[in-house]
Amino acid sequence: MALTRVPRARVGRRPDAGAPRPSAPRYGSHVDTLTLAELKSRWNEVLYDLEAQHRTAWLAMFDGRLARLEDGVLTLDFSDATKLSGGHGYERANKPHFVTELADAIERVTGQRLEVVLTADG
């Protein structure tokens, strides 16, 4: 009887993490722009993509709350009254290359390039 090796699943990964994604809808035209509600509905996809591309940026950004999306500018808020006073994770996340990595992940998932602004103001 021959033994068959079964690859082990990686902890913390989606089962389909290596599978090709269906093409993302194209937002950003003057007819079809991304709304905050649409981005919130796909936020887990964005975070999975960010984790796969840049785990350190993912660790820094996953605590941010989607606060506003206006005129192509996404505001990610790191204040949280239920956690420690001040901007929880804000200092860790406020690195230009992490913000760029997050904007790249949003674009890969949604097809729309957004400017990302971080705040700890609430």
PDB file of N, CA and C in Angstrom:
ATOM      1  N   MET A   1       0.837  -1.176   0.000  1.00  0.00           N
ATOM      2  CA  MET A   1       0.000   0.000   0.000  1.00  0.00           C
ATOM      3  C   MET A   1       0.885   1.244   0.000  1.00  0.00           C
ATOM      4  N   ALA A   2       0.714   2.103  -0.990  1.00  0.00           N
ATOM      5  CA  ALA A   2       1.521   3.312  -1.095  1.00  0.00           C
ATOM      6  C   ALA A   2       0.875   4.444  -0.298  1.00  0.00           C
ATOM      7  N   LEU A   3       1.709   5.249   0.314  1.00  0.00           N
ATOM      8  CA  LEU A   3       1.223   6.403   1.062  1.00  0.00           C
ATOM      9  C   LEU A   3       1.179   7.617   0.143  1.00  0.00           C
ATOM     10  N   THR A   4       0.167   8.401   0.301  1.00  0.00           N
ATOM     11  CA  THR A   4       0.034   9.634  -0.465  1.00  0.00           C
ATOM     12  C   THR A   4       0.204  10.805   0.477  1.00  0.00           C
ATOM     13  N   ARG A   5       1.059  11.730   0.114  1.00  0.00           N
ATOM     14  CA  ARG A   5       1.255  12.926   0.933  1.00  0.00           C
ATOM     15  C   ARG A   5       0.178  13.940   0.615  1.00  0.00           C
ATOM     16  N   VAL A   6      -0.399  14.480   1.641  1.00  0.00           N
ATOM     17  CA  VAL A   6      -1.400  15.530   1.490  1.00  0.00           C
ATOM     18  C   VAL A   6      -0.768  16.812   2.004  1.00  0.00           C
ATOM     19  N   PRO A   7      -0.758  17.869   1.171  1.00  0.00           N
ATOM     20  CA  PRO A   7      -0.147  19.121   1.641  1.00  0.00           C
ATOM     21  C   PRO A   7      -0.913  19.667   2.843  1.00  0.00           C
ATOM     22  N   ARG A   8      -0.188  20.220   3.785  1.00  0.00           N
ATOM     23  CA  ARG A   8      -0.794  20.809   4.974  1.00  0.00           C
ATOM     24  C   ARG A   8      -1.294  22.204   4.666  1.00  0.00           C
ATOM     25  N   ALA A   9      -2.435  22.538   5.211  1.00  0.00           N
ATOM     26  CA  ALA A   9      -2.985  23.884   5.050  1.00  0.00           C
ATOM     27  C   ALA A   9      -2.192  24.837   5.932  1.00  0.00           C
ATOM     28  N   ARG A  10      -2.007  26.046   5.454  1.00  0.00           N
ATOM     29  CA  ARG A  10      -1.330  27.060   6.242  1.00  0.00           C
ATOM     30  C   ARG A  10      -2.326  27.725   7.166  1.00  0.00           C
ATOM     31  N   VAL A  11      -1.979  27.856   8.415  1.00  0.00           N
ATOM     32  CA  VAL A  11      -2.852  28.475   9.406  1.00  0.00           C
ATOM     33  C   VAL A  11      -3.009  29.957   9.077  1.00  0.00           C
ATOM     34  N   GLY A  12      -4.233  30.454   9.188  1.00  0.00           N
ATOM     35  CA  GLY A  12      -4.476  31.883   8.979  1.00  0.00           C
ATOM     36  C   GLY A  12      -4.691  32.261   7.530  1.00  0.00           C
ATOM     37  N   ARG A  13      -4.694  31.325   6.628  1.00  0.00           N
ATOM     38  CA  ARG A  13      -4.893  31.615   5.207  1.00  0.00           C
ATOM     39  C   ARG A  13      -6.256  31.129   4.769  1.00  0.00           C
ATOM     40  N   ARG A  14      -6.835  31.816   3.821  1.00  0.00           N
ATOM     41  CA  ARG A  14      -8.067  31.340   3.225  1.00  0.00           C
ATOM     42  C   ARG A  14      -7.745  30.106   2.405  1.00  0.00           C
ATOM     43  N   PRO A  15      -8.652  29.152   2.324  1.00  0.00           N
ATOM     44  CA  PRO A  15      -8.392  27.949   1.526  1.00  0.00           C
ATOM     45  C   PRO A  15      -8.137  28.268   0.063  1.00  0.00           C
ATOM     46  N   ASP A  16      -8.725  29.335  -0.458  1.00  0.00           N
ATOM     47  CA  ASP A  16      -8.567  29.672  -1.869  1.00  0.00           C
ATOM     48  C   ASP A  16      -7.509  30.744  -2.101  1.00  0.00           C
ATOM     49  N   ALA A  17      -6.604  30.962  -1.138  1.00  0.00           N
ATOM     50  CA  ALA A  17      -5.636  32.054  -1.237  1.00  0.00           C
ATOM     51  C   ALA A  17      -4.764  31.963  -2.484  1.00  0.00           C
ATOM     52  N   GLY A  18      -4.465  30.753  -2.942  1.00  0.00           N
ATOM     53  CA  GLY A  18      -3.615  30.609  -4.119  1.00  0.00           C
ATOM     54  C   GLY A  18      -4.389  30.558  -5.420  1.00  0.00           C
ATOM     55  N   ALA A  19      -5.694  30.478  -5.330  1.00  0.00           N
ATOM     56  CA  ALA A  19      -6.519  30.362  -6.539  1.00  0.00           C
ATOM     57  C   ALA A  19      -6.601  31.695  -7.263  1.00  0.00           C
ATOM     58  N   PRO A  20      -6.665  31.656  -8.584  1.00  0.00           N
ATOM     59  CA  PRO A  20      -6.793  32.917  -9.311  1.00  0.00           C
ATOM     60  C   PRO A  20      -8.123  33.574  -8.992  1.00  0.00           C
ATOM     61  N   ARG A  21      -8.105  34.889  -8.917  1.00  0.00           N
ATOM     62  CA  ARG A  21      -9.321  35.643  -8.623  1.00  0.00           C
ATOM     63  C   ARG A  21     -10.083  35.912  -9.904  1.00  0.00           C
ATOM     64  N   PRO A  22     -11.410  35.923  -9.795  1.00  0.00           N
ATOM     65  CA  PRO A  22     -12.156  36.400 -10.954  1.00  0.00           C
ATOM     66  C   PRO A  22     -11.852  37.869 -11.142  1.00  0.00           C
ATOM     67  N   SER A  23     -11.977  38.345 -12.357  1.00  0.00           N
ATOM     68  CA  SER A  23     -11.620  39.739 -12.579  1.00  0.00           C
ATOM     69  C   SER A  23     -12.522  40.651 -11.764  1.00  0.00           C
ATOM     70  N   ALA A  24     -11.883  41.627 -11.146  1.00  0.00           N
ATOM     71  CA  ALA A  24     -12.588  42.574 -10.286  1.00  0.00           C
ATOM     72  C   ALA A  24     -13.412  43.531 -11.130  1.00  0.00           C
ATOM     73  N   PRO A  25     -14.526  43.975 -10.574  1.00  0.00           N
ATOM     74  CA  PRO A  25     -15.300  44.957 -11.314  1.00  0.00           C
ATOM     75  C   PRO A  25     -14.503  46.238 -11.465  1.00  0.00           C
ATOM     76  N   ARG A  26     -14.674  46.894 -12.557  1.00  0.00           N
ATOM     77  CA  ARG A  26     -13.940  48.126 -12.806  1.00  0.00           C
ATOM     78  C   ARG A  26     -14.752  49.304 -12.303  1.00  0.00           C
ATOM     79  N   TYR A  27     -14.242  49.951 -11.274  1.00  0.00           N
ATOM     80  CA  TYR A  27     -14.851  51.161 -10.745  1.00  0.00           C
ATOM     81  C   TYR A  27     -14.014  52.335 -11.223  1.00  0.00           C
ATOM     82  N   GLY A  28     -14.440  53.506 -10.915  1.00  0.00           N
ATOM     83  CA  GLY A  28     -13.603  54.667 -11.162  1.00  0.00           C
ATOM     84  C   GLY A  28     -14.000  55.469 -12.374  1.00  0.00           C
ATOM     85  N   SER A  29     -14.876  54.969 -13.214  1.00  0.00           N
ATOM     86  CA  SER A  29     -15.312  55.786 -14.332  1.00  0.00           C
ATOM     87  C   SER A  29     -16.322  56.791 -13.799  1.00  0.00           C
ATOM     88  N   HIS A  30     -16.615  57.779 -14.601  1.00  0.00           N
ATOM     89  CA  HIS A  30     -17.571  58.786 -14.158  1.00  0.00           C
ATOM     90  C   HIS A  30     -18.971  58.201 -13.997  1.00  0.00           C
ATOM     91  N   VAL A  31     -19.224  57.028 -14.554  1.00  0.00           N
ATOM     92  CA  VAL A  31     -20.527  56.392 -14.463  1.00  0.00           C
ATOM     93  C   VAL A  31     -20.620  55.509 -13.212  1.00  0.00           C
ATOM     94  N   ASP A  32     -19.559  54.787 -12.868  1.00  0.00           N
ATOM     95  CA  ASP A  32     -19.605  53.800 -11.798  1.00  0.00           C
ATOM     96  C   ASP A  32     -18.462  54.038 -10.827  1.00  0.00           C
ATOM     97  N   THR A  33     -18.705  54.752  -9.723  1.00  0.00           N
ATOM     98  CA  THR A  33     -17.656  55.009  -8.750  1.00  0.00           C
ATOM     99  C   THR A  33     -17.894  54.169  -7.502  1.00  0.00           C
ATOM    100  N   LEU A  34     -16.825  53.822  -6.858  1.00  0.00           N
ATOM    101  CA  LEU A  34     -16.858  52.998  -5.667  1.00  0.00           C
ATOM    102  C   LEU A  34     -17.449  53.793  -4.507  1.00  0.00           C
ATOM    103  N   THR A  35     -18.388  53.191  -3.780  1.00  0.00           N
ATOM    104  CA  THR A  35     -18.958  53.834  -2.605  1.00  0.00           C
ATOM    105  C   THR A  35     -18.352  53.227  -1.350  1.00  0.00           C
ATOM    106  N   LEU A  36     -18.535  53.900  -0.234  1.00  0.00           N
ATOM    107  CA  LEU A  36     -18.030  53.380   1.032  1.00  0.00           C
ATOM    108  C   LEU A  36     -18.691  52.041   1.361  1.00  0.00           C
ATOM    109  N   ALA A  37     -19.980  51.923   1.110  1.00  0.00           N
ATOM    110  CA  ALA A  37     -20.687  50.657   1.376  1.00  0.00           C
ATOM    111  C   ALA A  37     -20.116  49.519   0.532  1.00  0.00           C
ATOM    112  N   GLU A  38     -19.823  49.788  -0.736  1.00  0.00           N
ATOM    113  CA  GLU A  38     -19.235  48.754  -1.603  1.00  0.00           C
ATOM    114  C   GLU A  38     -17.848  48.355  -1.120  1.00  0.00           C
ATOM    115  N   LEU A  39     -17.052  49.347  -0.725  1.00  0.00           N
ATOM    116  CA  LEU A  39     -15.708  49.048  -0.232  1.00  0.00           C
ATOM    117  C   LEU A  39     -15.789  48.251   1.066  1.00  0.00           C
ATOM    118  N   LYS A  40     -16.702  48.626   1.950  1.00  0.00           N
ATOM    119  CA  LYS A  40     -16.870  47.869   3.202  1.00  0.00           C
ATOM    120  C   LYS A  40     -17.251  46.420   2.912  1.00  0.00           C
ATOM    121  N   SER A  41     -18.079  46.202   1.917  1.00  0.00           N
ATOM    122  CA  SER A  41     -18.502  44.838   1.600  1.00  0.00           C
ATOM    123  C   SER A  41     -17.355  43.996   1.048  1.00  0.00           C
ATOM    124  N   ARG A  42     -16.323  44.645   0.533  1.00  0.00           N
ATOM    125  CA  ARG A  42     -15.172  43.917  -0.029  1.00  0.00           C
ATOM    126  C   ARG A  42     -13.908  44.083   0.820  1.00  0.00           C
ATOM    127  N   TRP A  43     -14.047  44.681   1.999  1.00  0.00           N
ATOM    128  CA  TRP A  43     -12.882  45.009   2.812  1.00  0.00           C
ATOM    129  C   TRP A  43     -12.086  43.773   3.207  1.00  0.00           C
ATOM    130  N   ASN A  44     -12.758  42.671   3.529  1.00  0.00           N
ATOM    131  CA  ASN A  44     -12.015  41.453   3.870  1.00  0.00           C
ATOM    132  C   ASN A  44     -11.171  40.981   2.694  1.00  0.00           C
ATOM    133  N   GLU A  45     -11.684  41.102   1.476  1.00  0.00           N
ATOM    134  CA  GLU A  45     -10.894  40.749   0.285  1.00  0.00           C
ATOM    135  C   GLU A  45      -9.660  41.625   0.185  1.00  0.00           C
ATOM    136  N   VAL A  46      -9.839  42.922   0.454  1.00  0.00           N
ATOM    137  CA  VAL A  46      -8.701  43.854   0.414  1.00  0.00           C
ATOM    138  C   VAL A  46      -7.662  43.437   1.444  1.00  0.00           C
ATOM    139  N   LEU A  47      -8.109  43.131   2.652  1.00  0.00           N
ATOM    140  CA  LEU A  47      -7.158  42.740   3.697  1.00  0.00           C
ATOM    141  C   LEU A  47      -6.466  41.422   3.381  1.00  0.00           C
ATOM    142  N   TYR A  48      -7.193  40.452   2.815  1.00  0.00           N
ATOM    143  CA  TYR A  48      -6.551  39.195   2.399  1.00  0.00           C
ATOM    144  C   TYR A  48      -5.479  39.460   1.341  1.00  0.00           C
ATOM    145  N   ASP A  49      -5.802  40.333   0.392  1.00  0.00           N
ATOM    146  CA  ASP A  49      -4.841  40.659  -0.659  1.00  0.00           C
ATOM    147  C   ASP A  49      -3.618  41.355  -0.064  1.00  0.00           C
ATOM    148  N   LEU A  50      -3.848  42.305   0.827  1.00  0.00           N
ATOM    149  CA  LEU A  50      -2.739  43.019   1.465  1.00  0.00           C
ATOM    150  C   LEU A  50      -1.866  42.050   2.252  1.00  0.00           C
ATOM    151  N   GLU A  51      -2.484  41.120   2.971  1.00  0.00           N
ATOM    152  CA  GLU A  51      -1.713  40.140   3.734  1.00  0.00           C
ATOM    153  C   GLU A  51      -0.839  39.289   2.815  1.00  0.00           C
ATOM    154  N   ALA A  52      -1.389  38.891   1.678  1.00  0.00           N
ATOM    155  CA  ALA A  52      -0.633  38.058   0.744  1.00  0.00           C
ATOM    156  C   ALA A  52       0.532  38.817   0.122  1.00  0.00           C
ATOM    157  N   GLN A  53       0.377  40.107  -0.080  1.00  0.00           N
ATOM    158  CA  GLN A  53       1.407  40.898  -0.746  1.00  0.00           C
ATOM    159  C   GLN A  53       2.433  41.491   0.225  1.00  0.00           C
ATOM    160  N   HIS A  54       1.971  41.921   1.397  1.00  0.00           N
ATOM    161  CA  HIS A  54       2.852  42.626   2.328  1.00  0.00           C
ATOM    162  C   HIS A  54       2.317  42.429   3.747  1.00  0.00           C
ATOM    163  N   ARG A  55       2.734  41.352   4.378  1.00  0.00           N
ATOM    164  CA  ARG A  55       2.186  40.987   5.683  1.00  0.00           C
ATOM    165  C   ARG A  55       2.405  42.062   6.745  1.00  0.00           C
ATOM    166  N   THR A  56       3.534  42.735   6.716  1.00  0.00           N
ATOM    167  CA  THR A  56       3.803  43.770   7.711  1.00  0.00           C
ATOM    168  C   THR A  56       2.825  44.935   7.556  1.00  0.00           C
ATOM    169  N   ALA A  57       2.538  45.328   6.324  1.00  0.00           N
ATOM    170  CA  ALA A  57       1.550  46.391   6.096  1.00  0.00           C
ATOM    171  C   ALA A  57       0.175  45.925   6.567  1.00  0.00           C
ATOM    172  N   TRP A  58      -0.147  44.669   6.319  1.00  0.00           N
ATOM    173  CA  TRP A  58      -1.428  44.122   6.777  1.00  0.00           C
ATOM    174  C   TRP A  58      -1.545  44.211   8.300  1.00  0.00           C
ATOM    175  N   LEU A  59      -0.473  43.822   9.010  1.00  0.00           N
ATOM    176  CA  LEU A  59      -0.483  43.898  10.469  1.00  0.00           C
ATOM    177  C   LEU A  59      -0.715  45.319  10.960  1.00  0.00           C
ATOM    178  N   ALA A  60      -0.157  46.281  10.238  1.00  0.00           N
ATOM    179  CA  ALA A  60      -0.295  47.678  10.628  1.00  0.00           C
ATOM    180  C   ALA A  60      -1.677  48.230  10.305  1.00  0.00           C
ATOM    181  N   MET A  61      -2.300  47.758   9.232  1.00  0.00           N
ATOM    182  CA  MET A  61      -3.528  48.371   8.729  1.00  0.00           C
ATOM    183  C   MET A  61      -4.822  47.706   9.167  1.00  0.00           C
ATOM    184  N   PHE A  62      -4.787  46.445   9.607  1.00  0.00           N
ATOM    185  CA  PHE A  62      -6.057  45.744   9.814  1.00  0.00           C
ATOM    186  C   PHE A  62      -6.901  46.338  10.934  1.00  0.00           C
ATOM    187  N   ASP A  63      -6.325  47.129  11.825  1.00  0.00           N
ATOM    188  CA  ASP A  63      -7.098  47.751  12.909  1.00  0.00           C
ATOM    189  C   ASP A  63      -7.823  49.027  12.484  1.00  0.00           C
ATOM    190  N   GLY A  64      -7.513  49.533  11.310  1.00  0.00           N
ATOM    191  CA  GLY A  64      -8.150  50.773  10.860  1.00  0.00           C
ATOM    192  C   GLY A  64      -9.620  50.575  10.525  1.00  0.00           C
ATOM    193  N   ARG A  65     -10.420  51.596  10.773  1.00  0.00           N
ATOM    194  CA  ARG A  65     -11.854  51.570  10.475  1.00  0.00           C
ATOM    195  C   ARG A  65     -12.119  52.454   9.264  1.00  0.00           C
ATOM    196  N   LEU A  66     -12.881  51.934   8.313  1.00  0.00           N
ATOM    197  CA  LEU A  66     -13.246  52.721   7.135  1.00  0.00           C
ATOM    198  C   LEU A  66     -14.178  53.836   7.583  1.00  0.00           C
ATOM    199  N   ALA A  67     -13.697  55.066   7.574  1.00  0.00           N
ATOM    200  CA  ALA A  67     -14.480  56.185   8.108  1.00  0.00           C
ATOM    201  C   ALA A  67     -15.217  56.946   7.009  1.00  0.00           C
ATOM    202  N   ARG A  68     -14.525  57.295   5.930  1.00  0.00           N
ATOM    203  CA  ARG A  68     -15.120  58.095   4.856  1.00  0.00           C
ATOM    204  C   ARG A  68     -14.499  57.725   3.523  1.00  0.00           C
ATOM    205  N   LEU A  69     -15.281  57.899   2.474  1.00  0.00           N
ATOM    206  CA  LEU A  69     -14.794  57.784   1.100  1.00  0.00           C
ATOM    207  C   LEU A  69     -15.470  58.884   0.302  1.00  0.00           C
ATOM    208  N   GLU A  70     -14.709  59.921  -0.008  1.00  0.00           N
ATOM    209  CA  GLU A  70     -15.245  61.066  -0.730  1.00  0.00           C
ATOM    210  C   GLU A  70     -14.239  61.506  -1.786  1.00  0.00           C
ATOM    211  N   ASP A  71     -14.725  61.687  -3.002  1.00  0.00           N
ATOM    212  CA  ASP A  71     -13.890  62.184  -4.111  1.00  0.00           C
ATOM    213  C   ASP A  71     -12.606  61.388  -4.283  1.00  0.00           C
ATOM    214  N   GLY A  72     -12.700  60.063  -4.143  1.00  0.00           N
ATOM    215  CA  GLY A  72     -11.537  59.211  -4.348  1.00  0.00           C
ATOM    216  C   GLY A  72     -10.543  59.189  -3.202  1.00  0.00           C
ATOM    217  N   VAL A  73     -10.930  59.754  -2.049  1.00  0.00           N
ATOM    218  CA  VAL A  73     -10.054  59.778  -0.875  1.00  0.00           C
ATOM    219  C   VAL A  73     -10.701  58.940   0.227  1.00  0.00           C
ATOM    220  N   LEU A  74     -10.019  57.874   0.629  1.00  0.00           N
ATOM    221  CA  LEU A  74     -10.480  57.007   1.705  1.00  0.00           C
ATOM    222  C   LEU A  74      -9.807  57.431   2.998  1.00  0.00           C
ATOM    223  N   THR A  75     -10.609  57.675   4.027  1.00  0.00           N
ATOM    224  CA  THR A  75     -10.076  57.984   5.353  1.00  0.00           C
ATOM    225  C   THR A  75     -10.206  56.742   6.215  1.00  0.00           C
ATOM    226  N   LEU A  76      -9.064  56.299   6.715  1.00  0.00           N
ATOM    227  CA  LEU A  76      -8.991  55.135   7.598  1.00  0.00           C
ATOM    228  C   LEU A  76      -8.730  55.650   9.001  1.00  0.00           C
ATOM    229  N   ASP A  77      -9.640  55.349   9.923  1.00  0.00           N
ATOM    230  CA  ASP A  77      -9.585  55.907  11.272  1.00  0.00           C
ATOM    231  C   ASP A  77      -9.043  54.871  12.254  1.00  0.00           C
ATOM    232  N   PHE A  78      -8.051  55.269  13.034  1.00  0.00           N
ATOM    233  CA  PHE A  78      -7.426  54.377  14.006  1.00  0.00           C
ATOM    234  C   PHE A  78      -7.807  54.716  15.436  1.00  0.00           C
ATOM    235  N   SER A  79      -8.753  55.638  15.644  1.00  0.00           N
ATOM    236  CA  SER A  79      -9.208  55.913  17.006  1.00  0.00           C
ATOM    237  C   SER A  79     -10.300  54.918  17.345  1.00  0.00           C
ATOM    238  N   ASP A  80     -10.320  54.472  18.582  1.00  0.00           N
ATOM    239  CA  ASP A  80     -11.326  53.515  19.013  1.00  0.00           C
ATOM    240  C   ASP A  80     -11.520  53.676  20.512  1.00  0.00           C
ATOM    241  N   ALA A  81     -12.694  54.127  20.876  1.00  0.00           N
ATOM    242  CA  ALA A  81     -12.967  54.396  22.281  1.00  0.00           C
ATOM    243  C   ALA A  81     -12.928  53.137  23.142  1.00  0.00           C
ATOM    244  N   THR A  82     -13.091  51.961  22.541  1.00  0.00           N
ATOM    245  CA  THR A  82     -13.099  50.726  23.326  1.00  0.00           C
ATOM    246  C   THR A  82     -11.702  50.192  23.587  1.00  0.00           C
ATOM    247  N   LYS A  83     -10.716  50.821  22.987  1.00  0.00           N
ATOM    248  CA  LYS A  83      -9.338  50.365  23.189  1.00  0.00           C
ATOM    249  C   LYS A  83      -8.578  51.426  23.978  1.00  0.00           C
ATOM    250  N   LEU A  84      -7.298  51.345  23.990  1.00  0.00           N
ATOM    251  CA  LEU A  84      -6.479  52.310  24.710  1.00  0.00           C
ATOM    252  C   LEU A  84      -6.748  53.715  24.195  1.00  0.00           C
ATOM    253  N   SER A  85      -6.560  54.701  25.043  1.00  0.00           N
ATOM    254  CA  SER A  85      -6.790  56.079  24.598  1.00  0.00           C
ATOM    255  C   SER A  85      -5.797  56.429  23.502  1.00  0.00           C
ATOM    256  N   GLY A  86      -6.206  57.321  22.635  1.00  0.00           N
ATOM    257  CA  GLY A  86      -5.353  57.720  21.523  1.00  0.00           C
ATOM    258  C   GLY A  86      -5.602  56.849  20.309  1.00  0.00           C
ATOM    259  N   GLY A  87      -4.759  57.001  19.331  1.00  0.00           N
ATOM    260  CA  GLY A  87      -4.916  56.290  18.065  1.00  0.00           C
ATOM    261  C   GLY A  87      -4.342  54.894  18.134  1.00  0.00           C
ATOM    262  N   HIS A  88      -5.195  53.917  18.317  1.00  0.00           N
ATOM    263  CA  HIS A  88      -4.754  52.525  18.416  1.00  0.00           C
ATOM    264  C   HIS A  88      -4.147  52.065  17.091  1.00  0.00           C
ATOM    265  N   GLY A  89      -2.849  51.814  17.071  1.00  0.00           N
ATOM    266  CA  GLY A  89      -2.171  51.337  15.877  1.00  0.00           C
ATOM    267  C   GLY A  89      -1.800  52.416  14.884  1.00  0.00           C
ATOM    268  N   TYR A  90      -2.159  53.653  15.161  1.00  0.00           N
ATOM    269  CA  TYR A  90      -1.934  54.738  14.203  1.00  0.00           C
ATOM    270  C   TYR A  90      -0.442  54.933  13.912  1.00  0.00           C
ATOM    271  N   GLU A  91       0.365  54.971  14.950  1.00  0.00           N
ATOM    272  CA  GLU A  91       1.801  55.192  14.740  1.00  0.00           C
ATOM    273  C   GLU A  91       2.412  54.069  13.915  1.00  0.00           C
ATOM    274  N   ARG A  92       1.965  52.854  14.185  1.00  0.00           N
ATOM    275  CA  ARG A  92       2.464  51.686  13.456  1.00  0.00           C
ATOM    276  C   ARG A  92       2.061  51.752  11.985  1.00  0.00           C
ATOM    277  N   ALA A  93       0.855  52.219  11.718  1.00  0.00           N
ATOM    278  CA  ALA A  93       0.328  52.219  10.347  1.00  0.00           C
ATOM    279  C   ALA A  93       0.771  53.421   9.539  1.00  0.00           C
ATOM    280  N   ASN A  94       1.138  54.500  10.205  1.00  0.00           N
ATOM    281  CA  ASN A  94       1.414  55.754   9.507  1.00  0.00           C
ATOM    282  C   ASN A  94       2.803  55.767   8.867  1.00  0.00           C
ATOM    283  N   LYS A  95       2.991  54.857   7.940  1.00  0.00           N
ATOM    284  CA  LYS A  95       4.231  54.780   7.161  1.00  0.00           C
ATOM    285  C   LYS A  95       3.836  54.874   5.694  1.00  0.00           C
ATOM    286  N   PRO A  96       4.469  55.762   4.925  1.00  0.00           N
ATOM    287  CA  PRO A  96       4.049  55.964   3.529  1.00  0.00           C
ATOM    288  C   PRO A  96       4.004  54.682   2.702  1.00  0.00           C
ATOM    289  N   HIS A  97       4.960  53.776   2.893  1.00  0.00           N
ATOM    290  CA  HIS A  97       4.941  52.561   2.077  1.00  0.00           C
ATOM    291  C   HIS A  97       3.797  51.625   2.468  1.00  0.00           C
ATOM    292  N   PHE A  98       3.346  51.663   3.729  1.00  0.00           N
ATOM    293  CA  PHE A  98       2.179  50.868   4.117  1.00  0.00           C
ATOM    294  C   PHE A  98       0.915  51.435   3.480  1.00  0.00           C
ATOM    295  N   VAL A  99       0.807  52.750   3.445  1.00  0.00           N
ATOM    296  CA  VAL A  99      -0.355  53.402   2.825  1.00  0.00           C
ATOM    297  C   VAL A  99      -0.395  53.064   1.330  1.00  0.00           C
ATOM    298  N   THR A 100       0.759  53.083   0.680  1.00  0.00           N
ATOM    299  CA  THR A 100       0.836  52.728  -0.742  1.00  0.00           C
ATOM    300  C   THR A 100       0.442  51.276  -0.958  1.00  0.00           C
ATOM    301  N   GLU A 101       0.929  50.377  -0.100  1.00  0.00           N
ATOM    302  CA  GLU A 101       0.577  48.959  -0.214  1.00  0.00           C
ATOM    303  C   GLU A 101      -0.931  48.754  -0.068  1.00  0.00           C
ATOM    304  N   LEU A 102      -1.560  49.494   0.861  1.00  0.00           N
ATOM    305  CA  LEU A 102      -3.006  49.380   1.037  1.00  0.00           C
ATOM    306  C   LEU A 102      -3.742  49.906  -0.193  1.00  0.00           C
ATOM    307  N   ALA A 103      -3.309  51.044  -0.727  1.00  0.00           N
ATOM    308  CA  ALA A 103      -3.930  51.593  -1.942  1.00  0.00           C
ATOM    309  C   ALA A 103      -3.785  50.615  -3.103  1.00  0.00           C
ATOM    310  N   ASP A 104      -2.638  49.951  -3.197  1.00  0.00           N
ATOM    311  CA  ASP A 104      -2.431  48.947  -4.247  1.00  0.00           C
ATOM    312  C   ASP A 104      -3.396  47.777  -4.084  1.00  0.00           C
ATOM    313  N   ALA A 105      -3.584  47.309  -2.842  1.00  0.00           N
ATOM    314  CA  ALA A 105      -4.495  46.188  -2.587  1.00  0.00           C
ATOM    315  C   ALA A 105      -5.936  46.573  -2.932  1.00  0.00           C
ATOM    316  N   ILE A 106      -6.334  47.784  -2.581  1.00  0.00           N
ATOM    317  CA  ILE A 106      -7.681  48.260  -2.920  1.00  0.00           C
ATOM    318  C   ILE A 106      -7.861  48.253  -4.432  1.00  0.00           C
ATOM    319  N   GLU A 107      -6.856  48.717  -5.144  1.00  0.00           N
ATOM    320  CA  GLU A 107      -6.942  48.767  -6.607  1.00  0.00           C
ATOM    321  C   GLU A 107      -7.001  47.356  -7.206  1.00  0.00           C
ATOM    322  N   ARG A 108      -6.209  46.427  -6.667  1.00  0.00           N
ATOM    323  CA  ARG A 108      -6.241  45.066  -7.195  1.00  0.00           C
ATOM    324  C   ARG A 108      -7.612  44.420  -6.998  1.00  0.00           C
ATOM    325  N   VAL A 109      -8.254  44.693  -5.871  1.00  0.00           N
ATOM    326  CA  VAL A 109      -9.542  44.068  -5.561  1.00  0.00           C
ATOM    327  C   VAL A 109     -10.704  44.779  -6.247  1.00  0.00           C
ATOM    328  N   THR A 110     -10.700  46.104  -6.237  1.00  0.00           N
ATOM    329  CA  THR A 110     -11.862  46.855  -6.744  1.00  0.00           C
ATOM    330  C   THR A 110     -11.673  47.419  -8.140  1.00  0.00           C
ATOM    331  N   GLY A 111     -10.421  47.562  -8.559  1.00  0.00           N
ATOM    332  CA  GLY A 111     -10.156  48.177  -9.843  1.00  0.00           C
ATOM    333  C   GLY A 111     -10.097  49.695  -9.789  1.00  0.00           C
ATOM    334  N   GLN A 112     -10.264  50.276  -8.614  1.00  0.00           N
ATOM    335  CA  GLN A 112     -10.226  51.738  -8.485  1.00  0.00           C
ATOM    336  C   GLN A 112      -9.068  52.149  -7.596  1.00  0.00           C
ATOM    337  N   ARG A 113      -8.313  53.134  -8.049  1.00  0.00           N
ATOM    338  CA  ARG A 113      -7.204  53.673  -7.267  1.00  0.00           C
ATOM    339  C   ARG A 113      -7.733  54.767  -6.355  1.00  0.00           C
ATOM    340  N   LEU A 114      -7.515  54.599  -5.059  1.00  0.00           N
ATOM    341  CA  LEU A 114      -7.938  55.590  -4.083  1.00  0.00           C
ATOM    342  C   LEU A 114      -6.724  56.183  -3.397  1.00  0.00           C
ATOM    343  N   GLU A 115      -6.863  57.423  -2.981  1.00  0.00           N
ATOM    344  CA  GLU A 115      -5.870  58.019  -2.080  1.00  0.00           C
ATOM    345  C   GLU A 115      -6.285  57.598  -0.683  1.00  0.00           C
ATOM    346  N   VAL A 116      -5.328  57.155   0.134  1.00  0.00           N
ATOM    347  CA  VAL A 116      -5.627  56.696   1.491  1.00  0.00           C
ATOM    348  C   VAL A 116      -5.035  57.690   2.481  1.00  0.00           C
ATOM    349  N   VAL A 117      -5.896  58.155   3.397  1.00  0.00           N
ATOM    350  CA  VAL A 117      -5.493  59.086   4.451  1.00  0.00           C
ATOM    351  C   VAL A 117      -5.772  58.412   5.788  1.00  0.00           C
ATOM    352  N   LEU A 118      -4.793  58.474   6.694  1.00  0.00           N
ATOM    353  CA  LEU A 118      -4.951  57.881   8.012  1.00  0.00           C
ATOM    354  C   LEU A 118      -5.221  58.972   9.026  1.00  0.00           C
ATOM    355  N   THR A 119      -6.078  58.661   9.995  1.00  0.00           N
ATOM    356  CA  THR A 119      -6.362  59.603  11.057  1.00  0.00           C
ATOM    357  C   THR A 119      -6.550  58.851  12.367  1.00  0.00           C
ATOM    358  N   ALA A 120      -6.341  59.563  13.472  1.00  0.00           N
ATOM    359  CA  ALA A 120      -6.623  59.010  14.794  1.00  0.00           C
ATOM    360  C   ALA A 120      -7.537  59.972  15.540  1.00  0.00           C
ATOM    361  N   ASP A 121      -8.280  60.764  14.773  1.00  0.00           N
ATOM    362  CA  ASP A 121      -9.118  61.813  15.346  1.00  0.00           C
ATOM    363  C   ASP A 121     -10.525  61.381  15.713  1.00  0.00           C
ATOM    364  N   GLY A 122     -10.978  60.278  15.166  1.00  0.00           N
ATOM    365  CA  GLY A 122     -12.328  59.818  15.469  1.00  0.00           C
ATOM    366  C   GLY A 122     -13.374  60.385  14.636  1.00  0.00           C
TER     367      GLY A 122
END
